[in-house]
Amino acid sequence: QVTTYMERYLSVSKRHEEDKILTKTMINNYAKNNLLPPPEKKKYTKEHILTLIFIYYFKNLLSISDIQALLNPLTQLYFNEDSPYSYENIYDEILNLAKGELEDFKEDIIRKFAKSNTSFPEAKKSEEEFLHQFSMICMLSVDIYLKKQIVEQMIDSMSEIQDKEKEAAKKEATKKEAAKKEAAKKAAAKKELLKKEALKKEAPKKEIPKKEIPKKETKK
């Protein structure tokens, strides 16, 4: 089952042992919100699993609407599609990028930790540890907050472009439909005209009676 697999695969990321990684209700909600494409013959594919992993990580940071804006183009373009980049290829690439960031992340944490330990130099010994931890948490939170704002701005920009593309596609479709209707209207008018002309040709011609010229009477 999907929930069992996800529980096993992502259990290391749980904060508390009793936390649920994924439930059937969650899956249904994701499907209702168009975050997850419908299963094929009630079976979930590898692409479904990868999408659920993306959702699991994004939902801790982004709103449902933001996740929609981010994942919908991905599923539309690459979900079970024969394209240069398969859904699995994309996931693997993102995973490798994330792994490459780990070393920089560790160095950044060490730097922030060292910096937080220099804060509040005049604090009492009994308060020092708490204030240092508070400083560290605040520094990490500011980092998360600023990065979250950048992510949201990028998603807003993507959504704006997608909306413009949808509007342009809608206008083009309306234009094509109007042209189609106009062409059909002209074709119908032409057909009607040809029909009238054919009937006119087939109709029997009426003979115009000749006027008899009265004969002049001859004088005797």
N, C-alpha and C. Protein backbone atom coordinates (compact mmCIF):
# COMPACT_ATOMS: atom_id res chain seq x y z
N GLN A 1 0.82 -1.21 0.00
CA GLN A 1 0.00 0.00 0.00
C GLN A 1 0.85 1.25 0.00
N VAL A 2 0.28 2.32 -0.53
CA VAL A 2 1.01 3.58 -0.64
C VAL A 2 1.36 4.13 0.74
N THR A 3 0.40 4.12 1.64
CA THR A 3 0.63 4.69 2.98
C THR A 3 1.73 3.95 3.72
N THR A 4 1.76 2.64 3.58
CA THR A 4 2.79 1.82 4.24
C THR A 4 4.16 2.14 3.68
N TYR A 5 4.24 2.26 2.36
CA TYR A 5 5.51 2.57 1.72
C TYR A 5 6.02 3.94 2.17
N MET A 6 5.14 4.93 2.16
CA MET A 6 5.52 6.29 2.54
C MET A 6 5.95 6.35 4.00
N GLU A 7 5.26 5.60 4.83
CA GLU A 7 5.60 5.56 6.26
C GLU A 7 7.02 5.01 6.45
N ARG A 8 7.33 3.99 5.70
CA ARG A 8 8.66 3.38 5.81
C ARG A 8 9.74 4.28 5.20
N TYR A 9 9.41 4.90 4.10
CA TYR A 9 10.40 5.70 3.35
C TYR A 9 10.70 7.02 4.06
N LEU A 10 9.69 7.64 4.68
CA LEU A 10 9.86 8.98 5.24
C LEU A 10 9.80 9.03 6.77
N SER A 11 9.83 7.88 7.42
CA SER A 11 9.70 7.84 8.87
C SER A 11 10.82 8.61 9.59
N VAL A 12 11.99 8.69 8.97
CA VAL A 12 13.12 9.39 9.60
C VAL A 12 12.86 10.89 9.74
N SER A 13 11.92 11.40 8.96
CA SER A 13 11.64 12.84 9.00
C SER A 13 10.54 13.21 10.01
N LYS A 14 9.98 12.21 10.69
CA LYS A 14 8.92 12.48 11.66
C LYS A 14 9.49 13.16 12.90
N ARG A 15 8.74 14.10 13.44
CA ARG A 15 9.15 14.77 14.68
C ARG A 15 8.81 13.93 15.89
N HIS A 16 7.59 13.39 15.86
CA HIS A 16 7.13 12.52 16.95
C HIS A 16 6.79 11.15 16.38
N GLU A 17 6.98 10.14 17.18
CA GLU A 17 6.76 8.76 16.73
C GLU A 17 5.32 8.54 16.28
N GLU A 18 4.38 9.20 16.94
CA GLU A 18 2.96 8.99 16.62
C GLU A 18 2.50 9.79 15.39
N ASP A 19 3.33 10.65 14.86
CA ASP A 19 2.97 11.44 13.68
C ASP A 19 2.72 10.52 12.48
N LYS A 20 1.74 10.93 11.67
CA LYS A 20 1.40 10.17 10.46
C LYS A 20 2.01 10.84 9.24
N ILE A 21 2.71 10.05 8.46
CA ILE A 21 3.29 10.57 7.23
C ILE A 21 2.22 10.79 6.18
N LEU A 22 1.35 9.80 6.02
CA LEU A 22 0.31 9.85 5.00
C LEU A 22 -0.85 8.96 5.40
N THR A 23 -2.07 9.43 5.15
CA THR A 23 -3.27 8.63 5.40
C THR A 23 -4.13 8.62 4.13
N LYS A 24 -5.11 7.73 4.10
CA LYS A 24 -6.02 7.65 2.95
C LYS A 24 -6.79 8.96 2.78
N THR A 25 -7.14 9.57 3.91
CA THR A 25 -7.86 10.85 3.86
C THR A 25 -7.00 11.93 3.22
N MET A 26 -5.72 11.94 3.55
CA MET A 26 -4.79 12.90 2.95
C MET A 26 -4.73 12.70 1.44
N ILE A 27 -4.60 11.45 1.02
CA ILE A 27 -4.52 11.15 -0.42
C ILE A 27 -5.78 11.63 -1.13
N ASN A 28 -6.95 11.38 -0.54
CA ASN A 28 -8.22 11.82 -1.13
C ASN A 28 -8.28 13.34 -1.24
N ASN A 29 -7.79 14.02 -0.19
CA ASN A 29 -7.79 15.49 -0.20
C ASN A 29 -6.85 16.03 -1.26
N TYR A 30 -5.71 15.38 -1.43
CA TYR A 30 -4.75 15.82 -2.46
C TYR A 30 -5.37 15.66 -3.84
N ALA A 31 -6.10 14.56 -4.03
CA ALA A 31 -6.75 14.31 -5.32
C ALA A 31 -7.86 15.34 -5.57
N LYS A 32 -8.64 15.66 -4.53
CA LYS A 32 -9.72 16.64 -4.65
C LYS A 32 -9.18 18.03 -4.98
N ASN A 33 -8.00 18.34 -4.44
CA ASN A 33 -7.39 19.66 -4.67
C ASN A 33 -6.50 19.69 -5.91
N ASN A 34 -6.61 18.63 -6.74
CA ASN A 34 -5.84 18.54 -7.99
C ASN A 34 -4.33 18.58 -7.78
N LEU A 35 -3.90 18.09 -6.63
CA LEU A 35 -2.47 17.98 -6.39
C LEU A 35 -1.93 16.65 -6.90
N LEU A 36 -2.80 15.66 -6.90
CA LEU A 36 -2.40 14.31 -7.27
C LEU A 36 -3.30 13.80 -8.40
N PRO A 37 -2.72 13.43 -9.54
CA PRO A 37 -3.53 12.87 -10.64
C PRO A 37 -4.25 11.60 -10.20
N PRO A 38 -5.41 11.30 -10.78
CA PRO A 38 -6.15 10.10 -10.38
C PRO A 38 -5.36 8.82 -10.67
N PRO A 39 -5.54 7.79 -9.86
CA PRO A 39 -4.82 6.52 -10.10
C PRO A 39 -5.29 5.85 -11.38
N GLU A 40 -4.43 5.02 -11.94
CA GLU A 40 -4.77 4.28 -13.15
C GLU A 40 -5.35 2.92 -12.77
N LYS A 41 -6.64 2.77 -13.04
CA LYS A 41 -7.35 1.53 -12.67
C LYS A 41 -7.16 1.22 -11.18
N LYS A 42 -7.32 2.27 -10.37
CA LYS A 42 -7.22 2.19 -8.91
C LYS A 42 -5.82 1.80 -8.42
N LYS A 43 -4.83 1.93 -9.30
CA LYS A 43 -3.46 1.62 -8.92
C LYS A 43 -2.59 2.88 -9.03
N TYR A 44 -1.71 3.05 -8.03
CA TYR A 44 -0.82 4.20 -8.02
C TYR A 44 0.53 3.82 -8.65
N THR A 45 1.00 4.68 -9.53
CA THR A 45 2.26 4.43 -10.23
C THR A 45 3.42 5.04 -9.47
N LYS A 46 4.62 4.83 -10.01
CA LYS A 46 5.82 5.42 -9.42
C LYS A 46 5.70 6.95 -9.41
N GLU A 47 5.08 7.50 -10.46
CA GLU A 47 4.91 8.96 -10.54
C GLU A 47 4.02 9.48 -9.41
N HIS A 48 3.00 8.69 -9.05
CA HIS A 48 2.13 9.07 -7.93
C HIS A 48 2.93 9.14 -6.62
N ILE A 49 3.77 8.15 -6.41
CA ILE A 49 4.59 8.09 -5.18
C ILE A 49 5.52 9.29 -5.11
N LEU A 50 6.17 9.61 -6.22
CA LEU A 50 7.10 10.74 -6.25
C LEU A 50 6.37 12.05 -6.00
N THR A 51 5.16 12.17 -6.56
CA THR A 51 4.35 13.37 -6.33
C THR A 51 3.99 13.51 -4.85
N LEU A 52 3.65 12.40 -4.22
CA LEU A 52 3.31 12.41 -2.79
C LEU A 52 4.52 12.82 -1.94
N ILE A 53 5.71 12.41 -2.36
CA ILE A 53 6.92 12.80 -1.63
C ILE A 53 7.14 14.31 -1.77
N PHE A 54 6.96 14.84 -2.98
CA PHE A 54 7.06 16.29 -3.17
C PHE A 54 6.06 17.02 -2.27
N ILE A 55 4.82 16.55 -2.27
CA ILE A 55 3.76 17.18 -1.47
C ILE A 55 4.12 17.15 0.01
N TYR A 56 4.65 16.01 0.47
CA TYR A 56 4.99 15.85 1.89
C TYR A 56 5.98 16.93 2.33
N TYR A 57 6.98 17.19 1.51
CA TYR A 57 7.98 18.20 1.89
C TYR A 57 7.46 19.62 1.70
N PHE A 58 6.73 19.84 0.62
CA PHE A 58 6.24 21.19 0.35
C PHE A 58 5.18 21.65 1.35
N LYS A 59 4.35 20.73 1.85
CA LYS A 59 3.23 21.14 2.70
C LYS A 59 3.70 21.72 4.04
N ASN A 60 4.95 21.44 4.41
CA ASN A 60 5.49 22.02 5.64
C ASN A 60 5.93 23.47 5.45
N LEU A 61 5.93 23.89 4.21
CA LEU A 61 6.43 25.23 3.90
C LEU A 61 5.44 26.08 3.13
N LEU A 62 4.68 25.45 2.23
CA LEU A 62 3.82 26.19 1.31
C LEU A 62 2.34 25.91 1.53
N SER A 63 1.51 26.83 1.04
CA SER A 63 0.06 26.63 1.08
C SER A 63 -0.35 25.65 -0.02
N ILE A 64 -1.58 25.14 0.08
CA ILE A 64 -2.10 24.20 -0.91
C ILE A 64 -2.11 24.85 -2.30
N SER A 65 -2.53 26.13 -2.37
CA SER A 65 -2.59 26.81 -3.67
C SER A 65 -1.21 26.98 -4.28
N ASP A 66 -0.20 27.23 -3.43
CA ASP A 66 1.17 27.35 -3.93
C ASP A 66 1.70 26.01 -4.44
N ILE A 67 1.35 24.95 -3.73
CA ILE A 67 1.78 23.61 -4.16
C ILE A 67 1.11 23.25 -5.49
N GLN A 68 -0.14 23.65 -5.63
CA GLN A 68 -0.86 23.44 -6.90
C GLN A 68 -0.14 24.14 -8.04
N ALA A 69 0.20 25.42 -7.82
CA ALA A 69 0.86 26.20 -8.86
C ALA A 69 2.21 25.61 -9.24
N LEU A 70 2.85 24.96 -8.28
CA LEU A 70 4.18 24.39 -8.51
C LEU A 70 4.13 23.01 -9.15
N LEU A 71 3.21 22.18 -8.68
CA LEU A 71 3.17 20.79 -9.13
C LEU A 71 2.30 20.54 -10.37
N ASN A 72 1.25 21.35 -10.55
CA ASN A 72 0.36 21.11 -11.69
C ASN A 72 1.07 21.14 -13.05
N PRO A 73 1.94 22.13 -13.30
CA PRO A 73 2.67 22.09 -14.58
C PRO A 73 3.58 20.86 -14.68
N LEU A 74 4.14 20.45 -13.55
CA LEU A 74 5.03 19.29 -13.53
C LEU A 74 4.28 18.02 -13.92
N THR A 75 3.10 17.82 -13.31
CA THR A 75 2.31 16.61 -13.61
C THR A 75 1.73 16.67 -15.02
N GLN A 76 1.36 17.87 -15.48
CA GLN A 76 0.80 18.01 -16.83
C GLN A 76 1.83 17.71 -17.91
N LEU A 77 3.07 18.12 -17.66
CA LEU A 77 4.11 17.97 -18.68
C LEU A 77 4.82 16.61 -18.65
N TYR A 78 5.00 16.07 -17.43
CA TYR A 78 5.88 14.91 -17.31
C TYR A 78 5.25 13.67 -16.68
N PHE A 79 4.02 13.75 -16.23
CA PHE A 79 3.38 12.61 -15.56
C PHE A 79 2.98 11.57 -16.59
N ASN A 80 3.67 10.43 -16.57
CA ASN A 80 3.39 9.33 -17.51
C ASN A 80 3.48 9.78 -18.97
N GLU A 81 4.33 10.78 -19.22
CA GLU A 81 4.47 11.28 -20.59
C GLU A 81 5.81 10.83 -21.18
N ASP A 82 5.80 10.62 -22.46
CA ASP A 82 7.02 10.24 -23.17
C ASP A 82 7.76 11.53 -23.55
N SER A 83 8.61 12.01 -22.65
CA SER A 83 9.33 13.25 -22.86
C SER A 83 10.81 13.06 -22.56
N PRO A 84 11.65 14.02 -22.98
CA PRO A 84 13.09 13.89 -22.72
C PRO A 84 13.41 13.73 -21.23
N TYR A 85 12.59 14.39 -20.38
CA TYR A 85 12.77 14.26 -18.94
C TYR A 85 11.58 13.50 -18.36
N SER A 86 11.85 12.32 -17.86
CA SER A 86 10.78 11.57 -17.21
C SER A 86 10.59 12.12 -15.81
N TYR A 87 9.47 11.78 -15.21
CA TYR A 87 9.17 12.25 -13.85
C TYR A 87 10.25 11.76 -12.89
N GLU A 88 10.69 10.54 -13.10
CA GLU A 88 11.73 9.96 -12.24
C GLU A 88 13.06 10.68 -12.43
N ASN A 89 13.38 11.03 -13.68
CA ASN A 89 14.60 11.79 -13.96
C ASN A 89 14.62 13.11 -13.21
N ILE A 90 13.47 13.78 -13.22
CA ILE A 90 13.36 15.08 -12.55
C ILE A 90 13.55 14.93 -11.05
N TYR A 91 12.91 13.92 -10.48
CA TYR A 91 13.05 13.68 -9.02
C TYR A 91 14.51 13.39 -8.66
N ASP A 92 15.16 12.55 -9.45
CA ASP A 92 16.56 12.20 -9.18
C ASP A 92 17.47 13.43 -9.27
N GLU A 93 17.18 14.27 -10.25
CA GLU A 93 17.98 15.50 -10.41
C GLU A 93 17.83 16.42 -9.21
N ILE A 94 16.59 16.59 -8.75
CA ILE A 94 16.32 17.43 -7.58
C ILE A 94 16.99 16.85 -6.34
N LEU A 95 16.93 15.53 -6.21
CA LEU A 95 17.55 14.85 -5.06
C LEU A 95 19.06 15.08 -5.06
N ASN A 96 19.68 14.99 -6.21
CA ASN A 96 21.13 15.22 -6.31
C ASN A 96 21.49 16.66 -5.99
N LEU A 97 20.65 17.60 -6.43
CA LEU A 97 20.88 19.01 -6.10
C LEU A 97 20.81 19.24 -4.59
N ALA A 98 19.80 18.60 -3.97
CA ALA A 98 19.63 18.73 -2.52
C ALA A 98 20.82 18.15 -1.76
N LYS A 99 21.31 17.01 -2.22
CA LYS A 99 22.47 16.39 -1.57
C LYS A 99 23.70 17.28 -1.68
N GLY A 100 23.82 17.96 -2.80
CA GLY A 100 24.94 18.86 -3.01
C GLY A 100 24.93 20.07 -2.10
N GLU A 101 23.73 20.39 -1.56
CA GLU A 101 23.59 21.53 -0.67
C GLU A 101 23.91 21.18 0.79
N LEU A 102 24.01 19.90 1.10
CA LEU A 102 24.18 19.48 2.50
C LEU A 102 25.46 20.02 3.14
N GLU A 103 26.55 20.02 2.39
CA GLU A 103 27.83 20.49 2.95
C GLU A 103 27.76 21.97 3.29
N ASP A 104 27.19 22.76 2.37
CA ASP A 104 27.02 24.19 2.64
C ASP A 104 26.08 24.40 3.82
N PHE A 105 25.05 23.56 3.91
CA PHE A 105 24.09 23.66 5.01
C PHE A 105 24.78 23.42 6.36
N LYS A 106 25.61 22.39 6.40
CA LYS A 106 26.33 22.07 7.64
C LYS A 106 27.23 23.23 8.06
N GLU A 107 27.96 23.79 7.09
CA GLU A 107 28.85 24.91 7.38
C GLU A 107 28.06 26.13 7.88
N ASP A 108 26.90 26.35 7.28
CA ASP A 108 26.05 27.48 7.69
C ASP A 108 25.53 27.28 9.11
N ILE A 109 25.16 26.06 9.46
CA ILE A 109 24.67 25.77 10.81
C ILE A 109 25.79 25.98 11.83
N ILE A 110 26.98 25.51 11.50
CA ILE A 110 28.14 25.68 12.41
C ILE A 110 28.43 27.17 12.62
N ARG A 111 28.37 27.94 11.54
CA ARG A 111 28.63 29.39 11.63
C ARG A 111 27.59 30.08 12.49
N LYS A 112 26.30 29.74 12.28
CA LYS A 112 25.22 30.35 13.06
C LYS A 112 25.33 29.95 14.54
N PHE A 113 25.70 28.69 14.77
CA PHE A 113 25.84 28.22 16.16
C PHE A 113 26.94 28.99 16.88
N ALA A 114 28.07 29.15 16.19
CA ALA A 114 29.18 29.89 16.80
C ALA A 114 28.80 31.34 17.07
N LYS A 115 28.06 31.93 16.12
CA LYS A 115 27.64 33.32 16.26
C LYS A 115 26.64 33.49 17.40
N SER A 116 25.71 32.54 17.51
CA SER A 116 24.69 32.62 18.58
C SER A 116 25.32 32.50 19.96
N ASN A 117 26.42 31.75 20.05
CA ASN A 117 27.09 31.57 21.34
C ASN A 117 27.86 32.81 21.80
N THR A 118 27.99 33.78 20.90
CA THR A 118 28.64 35.04 21.30
C THR A 118 27.62 36.11 21.68
N SER A 119 26.33 35.77 21.54
CA SER A 119 25.27 36.75 21.87
C SER A 119 25.08 36.85 23.37
N PHE A 120 24.53 37.97 23.79
CA PHE A 120 24.23 38.25 25.21
C PHE A 120 25.44 37.94 26.12
N PRO A 121 26.56 38.60 25.89
CA PRO A 121 27.76 38.32 26.69
C PRO A 121 27.61 38.71 28.17
N GLU A 122 26.67 39.62 28.45
CA GLU A 122 26.50 40.06 29.84
C GLU A 122 25.42 39.25 30.58
N ALA A 123 24.87 38.21 29.94
CA ALA A 123 23.79 37.44 30.57
C ALA A 123 24.31 36.64 31.75
N LYS A 124 23.37 36.37 32.64
CA LYS A 124 23.73 35.53 33.80
C LYS A 124 24.01 34.11 33.32
N LYS A 125 24.85 33.42 34.06
CA LYS A 125 25.21 32.07 33.69
C LYS A 125 23.99 31.16 33.58
N SER A 126 23.02 31.37 34.46
CA SER A 126 21.81 30.53 34.47
C SER A 126 20.91 30.80 33.27
N GLU A 127 21.08 31.98 32.64
CA GLU A 127 20.22 32.38 31.51
C GLU A 127 20.96 32.25 30.17
N GLU A 128 22.25 32.09 30.26
CA GLU A 128 23.09 32.12 29.06
C GLU A 128 22.70 31.07 28.02
N GLU A 129 22.52 29.82 28.45
CA GLU A 129 22.21 28.73 27.52
C GLU A 129 20.90 28.97 26.80
N PHE A 130 19.87 29.39 27.55
CA PHE A 130 18.57 29.66 26.93
C PHE A 130 18.68 30.77 25.90
N LEU A 131 19.37 31.86 26.22
CA LEU A 131 19.48 32.99 25.31
C LEU A 131 20.28 32.63 24.06
N HIS A 132 21.30 31.78 24.25
CA HIS A 132 22.07 31.34 23.09
C HIS A 132 21.21 30.47 22.16
N GLN A 133 20.42 29.59 22.74
CA GLN A 133 19.53 28.74 21.93
C GLN A 133 18.45 29.59 21.25
N PHE A 134 17.94 30.56 21.99
CA PHE A 134 16.92 31.46 21.43
C PHE A 134 17.51 32.23 20.23
N SER A 135 18.74 32.69 20.37
CA SER A 135 19.42 33.39 19.27
C SER A 135 19.56 32.49 18.06
N MET A 136 19.97 31.25 18.30
CA MET A 136 20.14 30.29 17.21
C MET A 136 18.82 30.03 16.49
N ILE A 137 17.76 29.84 17.26
CA ILE A 137 16.43 29.59 16.68
C ILE A 137 15.97 30.80 15.87
N CYS A 138 16.21 31.99 16.38
CA CYS A 138 15.80 33.21 15.67
C CYS A 138 16.57 33.37 14.36
N MET A 139 17.86 33.09 14.39
CA MET A 139 18.68 33.19 13.18
C MET A 139 18.22 32.19 12.12
N LEU A 140 17.93 30.98 12.54
CA LEU A 140 17.43 29.96 11.60
C LEU A 140 16.05 30.35 11.07
N SER A 141 15.22 30.89 11.95
CA SER A 141 13.86 31.28 11.56
C SER A 141 13.88 32.41 10.55
N VAL A 142 14.78 33.39 10.75
CA VAL A 142 14.91 34.49 9.79
C VAL A 142 15.34 33.95 8.43
N ASP A 143 16.27 33.02 8.45
CA ASP A 143 16.75 32.39 7.22
C ASP A 143 15.60 31.69 6.49
N ILE A 144 14.82 30.93 7.25
CA ILE A 144 13.66 30.22 6.67
C ILE A 144 12.64 31.20 6.14
N TYR A 145 12.35 32.25 6.92
CA TYR A 145 11.34 33.25 6.55
C TYR A 145 11.71 33.95 5.24
N LEU A 146 12.98 34.36 5.13
CA LEU A 146 13.43 35.07 3.93
C LEU A 146 13.40 34.16 2.71
N LYS A 147 13.84 32.93 2.88
CA LYS A 147 13.83 31.98 1.77
C LYS A 147 12.40 31.63 1.37
N LYS A 148 11.51 31.54 2.35
CA LYS A 148 10.10 31.26 2.06
C LYS A 148 9.50 32.39 1.24
N GLN A 149 9.86 33.64 1.58
CA GLN A 149 9.35 34.78 0.81
C GLN A 149 9.84 34.73 -0.64
N ILE A 150 11.10 34.36 -0.83
CA ILE A 150 11.65 34.24 -2.18
C ILE A 150 10.90 33.17 -2.96
N VAL A 151 10.66 32.02 -2.30
CA VAL A 151 9.93 30.91 -2.94
C VAL A 151 8.53 31.36 -3.35
N GLU A 152 7.83 32.05 -2.44
CA GLU A 152 6.47 32.51 -2.72
C GLU A 152 6.44 33.51 -3.88
N GLN A 153 7.43 34.41 -3.92
CA GLN A 153 7.50 35.38 -5.01
C GLN A 153 7.74 34.68 -6.35
N MET A 154 8.59 33.66 -6.32
CA MET A 154 8.86 32.90 -7.55
C MET A 154 7.60 32.17 -8.01
N ILE A 155 6.86 31.59 -7.07
CA ILE A 155 5.63 30.88 -7.41
C ILE A 155 4.58 31.85 -7.96
N ASP A 156 4.49 33.04 -7.34
CA ASP A 156 3.55 34.06 -7.82
C ASP A 156 3.87 34.46 -9.25
N SER A 157 5.16 34.60 -9.52
CA SER A 157 5.60 34.95 -10.88
C SER A 157 5.25 33.84 -11.87
N MET A 158 5.47 32.59 -11.46
CA MET A 158 5.13 31.44 -12.30
C MET A 158 3.63 31.39 -12.56
N SER A 159 2.85 31.64 -11.50
CA SER A 159 1.39 31.60 -11.62
C SER A 159 0.89 32.68 -12.56
N GLU A 160 1.52 33.85 -12.49
CA GLU A 160 1.13 34.97 -13.36
C GLU A 160 1.38 34.61 -14.82
N ILE A 161 2.52 34.00 -15.08
CA ILE A 161 2.85 33.59 -16.46
C ILE A 161 1.86 32.52 -16.94
N GLN A 162 1.56 31.55 -16.05
CA GLN A 162 0.62 30.48 -16.40
C GLN A 162 -0.77 31.04 -16.69
N ASP A 163 -1.18 32.03 -15.87
CA ASP A 163 -2.50 32.65 -16.07
C ASP A 163 -2.56 33.38 -17.41
N LYS A 164 -1.47 34.06 -17.76
CA LYS A 164 -1.42 34.78 -19.05
C LYS A 164 -1.48 33.79 -20.21
N GLU A 165 -0.77 32.68 -20.06
CA GLU A 165 -0.77 31.65 -21.11
C GLU A 165 -2.15 31.04 -21.27
N LYS A 166 -2.82 30.79 -20.12
CA LYS A 166 -4.18 30.23 -20.16
C LYS A 166 -5.15 31.21 -20.83
N GLU A 167 -5.00 32.51 -20.49
CA GLU A 167 -5.88 33.53 -21.06
C GLU A 167 -5.66 33.65 -22.56
N ALA A 168 -4.38 33.61 -22.96
CA ALA A 168 -4.05 33.68 -24.39
C ALA A 168 -4.61 32.47 -25.13
N ALA A 169 -4.49 31.29 -24.50
CA ALA A 169 -5.01 30.06 -25.11
C ALA A 169 -6.53 30.11 -25.22
N LYS A 170 -7.16 30.69 -24.19
CA LYS A 170 -8.62 30.82 -24.18
C LYS A 170 -9.09 31.76 -25.29
N LYS A 171 -8.38 32.89 -25.45
CA LYS A 171 -8.72 33.84 -26.51
C LYS A 171 -8.54 33.22 -27.88
N GLU A 172 -7.45 32.46 -28.02
CA GLU A 172 -7.18 31.81 -29.31
C GLU A 172 -8.25 30.78 -29.63
N ALA A 173 -8.68 30.03 -28.60
CA ALA A 173 -9.74 29.03 -28.78
C ALA A 173 -11.06 29.70 -29.16
N THR A 174 -11.36 30.84 -28.51
CA THR A 174 -12.58 31.60 -28.80
C THR A 174 -12.55 32.13 -30.23
N LYS A 175 -11.35 32.61 -30.62
CA LYS A 175 -11.17 33.13 -31.98
C LYS A 175 -11.38 32.04 -33.02
N LYS A 176 -10.80 30.87 -32.75
CA LYS A 176 -10.94 29.74 -33.68
C LYS A 176 -12.40 29.28 -33.78
N GLU A 177 -13.08 29.27 -32.63
CA GLU A 177 -14.49 28.85 -32.60
C GLU A 177 -15.36 29.83 -33.39
N ALA A 178 -15.06 31.14 -33.21
CA ALA A 178 -15.82 32.16 -33.95
C ALA A 178 -15.58 32.03 -35.45
N ALA A 179 -14.32 31.78 -35.83
CA ALA A 179 -13.98 31.60 -37.24
C ALA A 179 -14.66 30.36 -37.82
N LYS A 180 -14.73 29.32 -36.99
CA LYS A 180 -15.37 28.07 -37.41
C LYS A 180 -16.87 28.29 -37.65
N LYS A 181 -17.49 29.03 -36.73
CA LYS A 181 -18.92 29.32 -36.86
C LYS A 181 -19.20 30.19 -38.08
N GLU A 182 -18.31 31.18 -38.31
CA GLU A 182 -18.46 32.07 -39.45
C GLU A 182 -18.32 31.30 -40.76
N ALA A 183 -17.34 30.37 -40.78
CA ALA A 183 -17.13 29.55 -41.98
C ALA A 183 -18.34 28.65 -42.23
N ALA A 184 -18.89 28.10 -41.16
CA ALA A 184 -20.07 27.24 -41.27
C ALA A 184 -21.28 28.04 -41.77
N LYS A 185 -21.38 29.28 -41.27
CA LYS A 185 -22.48 30.16 -41.67
C LYS A 185 -22.39 30.50 -43.16
N LYS A 186 -21.16 30.81 -43.61
CA LYS A 186 -20.96 31.12 -45.03
C LYS A 186 -21.23 29.90 -45.91
N ALA A 187 -20.79 28.73 -45.43
CA ALA A 187 -20.99 27.49 -46.18
C ALA A 187 -22.48 27.18 -46.30
N ALA A 188 -23.22 27.43 -45.22
CA ALA A 188 -24.67 27.18 -45.24
C ALA A 188 -25.37 28.14 -46.20
N ALA A 189 -24.91 29.42 -46.18
CA ALA A 189 -25.51 30.42 -47.07
C ALA A 189 -25.23 30.08 -48.54
N LYS A 190 -24.00 29.64 -48.80
CA LYS A 190 -23.62 29.26 -50.16
C LYS A 190 -24.43 28.05 -50.63
N LYS A 191 -24.60 27.09 -49.71
CA LYS A 191 -25.37 25.89 -50.02
C LYS A 191 -26.82 26.24 -50.35
N GLU A 192 -27.36 27.18 -49.57
CA GLU A 192 -28.75 27.60 -49.79
C GLU A 192 -28.90 28.31 -51.13
N LEU A 193 -27.89 29.13 -51.46
CA LEU A 193 -27.90 29.86 -52.73
C LEU A 193 -27.83 28.89 -53.91
N LEU A 194 -26.94 27.90 -53.80
CA LEU A 194 -26.81 26.90 -54.86
C LEU A 194 -28.11 26.10 -55.02
N LYS A 195 -28.73 25.84 -53.89
CA LYS A 195 -29.99 25.09 -53.91
C LYS A 195 -31.09 25.87 -54.65
N LYS A 196 -31.14 27.18 -54.36
CA LYS A 196 -32.14 28.04 -55.01
C LYS A 196 -31.89 28.13 -56.51
N GLU A 197 -30.58 28.24 -56.86
CA GLU A 197 -30.23 28.33 -58.28
C GLU A 197 -30.58 27.03 -59.02
N ALA A 198 -30.35 25.89 -58.32
CA ALA A 198 -30.67 24.59 -58.94
C ALA A 198 -32.17 24.45 -59.16
N LEU A 199 -32.94 24.87 -58.16
CA LEU A 199 -34.40 24.82 -58.28
C LEU A 199 -34.90 25.72 -59.40
N LYS A 200 -34.22 26.85 -59.51
CA LYS A 200 -34.61 27.81 -60.53
C LYS A 200 -34.39 27.24 -61.94
N LYS A 201 -33.27 26.51 -62.09
CA LYS A 201 -32.96 25.91 -63.39
C LYS A 201 -33.91 24.77 -63.73
N GLU A 202 -34.29 24.02 -62.68
CA GLU A 202 -35.16 22.86 -62.90
C GLU A 202 -36.62 23.24 -63.13
N ALA A 203 -37.04 24.42 -62.71
CA ALA A 203 -38.44 24.84 -62.83
C ALA A 203 -38.83 24.98 -64.30
N PRO A 204 -40.03 24.46 -64.74
CA PRO A 204 -40.46 24.58 -66.15
C PRO A 204 -40.70 26.03 -66.55
N LYS A 205 -40.25 26.37 -67.76
CA LYS A 205 -40.42 27.74 -68.21
C LYS A 205 -41.84 27.96 -68.72
N LYS A 206 -42.45 29.03 -68.31
CA LYS A 206 -43.80 29.37 -68.76
C LYS A 206 -43.73 30.06 -70.11
N GLU A 207 -44.59 29.54 -71.04
CA GLU A 207 -44.62 30.16 -72.39
C GLU A 207 -45.47 31.41 -72.36
N ILE A 208 -44.90 32.44 -72.86
CA ILE A 208 -45.64 33.71 -72.89
C ILE A 208 -46.53 33.70 -74.13
N PRO A 209 -47.83 33.80 -73.92
CA PRO A 209 -48.75 33.76 -75.09
C PRO A 209 -48.49 34.93 -76.04
N LYS A 210 -48.50 34.61 -77.34
CA LYS A 210 -48.27 35.66 -78.33
C LYS A 210 -49.56 36.45 -78.54
N LYS A 211 -49.41 37.72 -78.62
CA LYS A 211 -50.57 38.59 -78.88
C LYS A 211 -50.91 38.56 -80.37
N GLU A 212 -52.20 38.30 -80.63
CA GLU A 212 -52.62 38.26 -82.04
C GLU A 212 -52.89 39.68 -82.54
N ILE A 213 -52.27 39.96 -83.66
CA ILE A 213 -52.47 41.31 -84.23
C ILE A 213 -53.77 41.29 -85.05
N PRO A 214 -54.70 42.13 -84.71
CA PRO A 214 -55.99 42.13 -85.45
C PRO A 214 -55.78 42.50 -86.93
N LYS A 215 -56.47 41.76 -87.78
CA LYS A 215 -56.35 42.01 -89.21
C LYS A 215 -57.17 43.24 -89.60
N LYS A 216 -56.59 44.03 -90.50
CA LYS A 216 -57.28 45.23 -90.93
C LYS A 216 -58.39 44.83 -91.92
N GLU A 217 -59.55 45.46 -91.74
CA GLU A 217 -60.68 45.16 -92.65
C GLU A 217 -60.47 45.91 -93.98
N THR A 218 -60.66 45.18 -95.04
CA THR A 218 -60.52 45.82 -96.36
C THR A 218 -61.82 46.45 -96.82
N LYS A 219 -61.74 47.62 -97.38
CA LYS A 219 -62.95 48.32 -97.82
C LYS A 219 -63.40 47.73 -99.16
N LYS A 220 -64.67 47.57 -99.24
CA LYS A 220 -65.26 47.05 -100.47
C LYS A 220 -65.57 48.18 -101.43
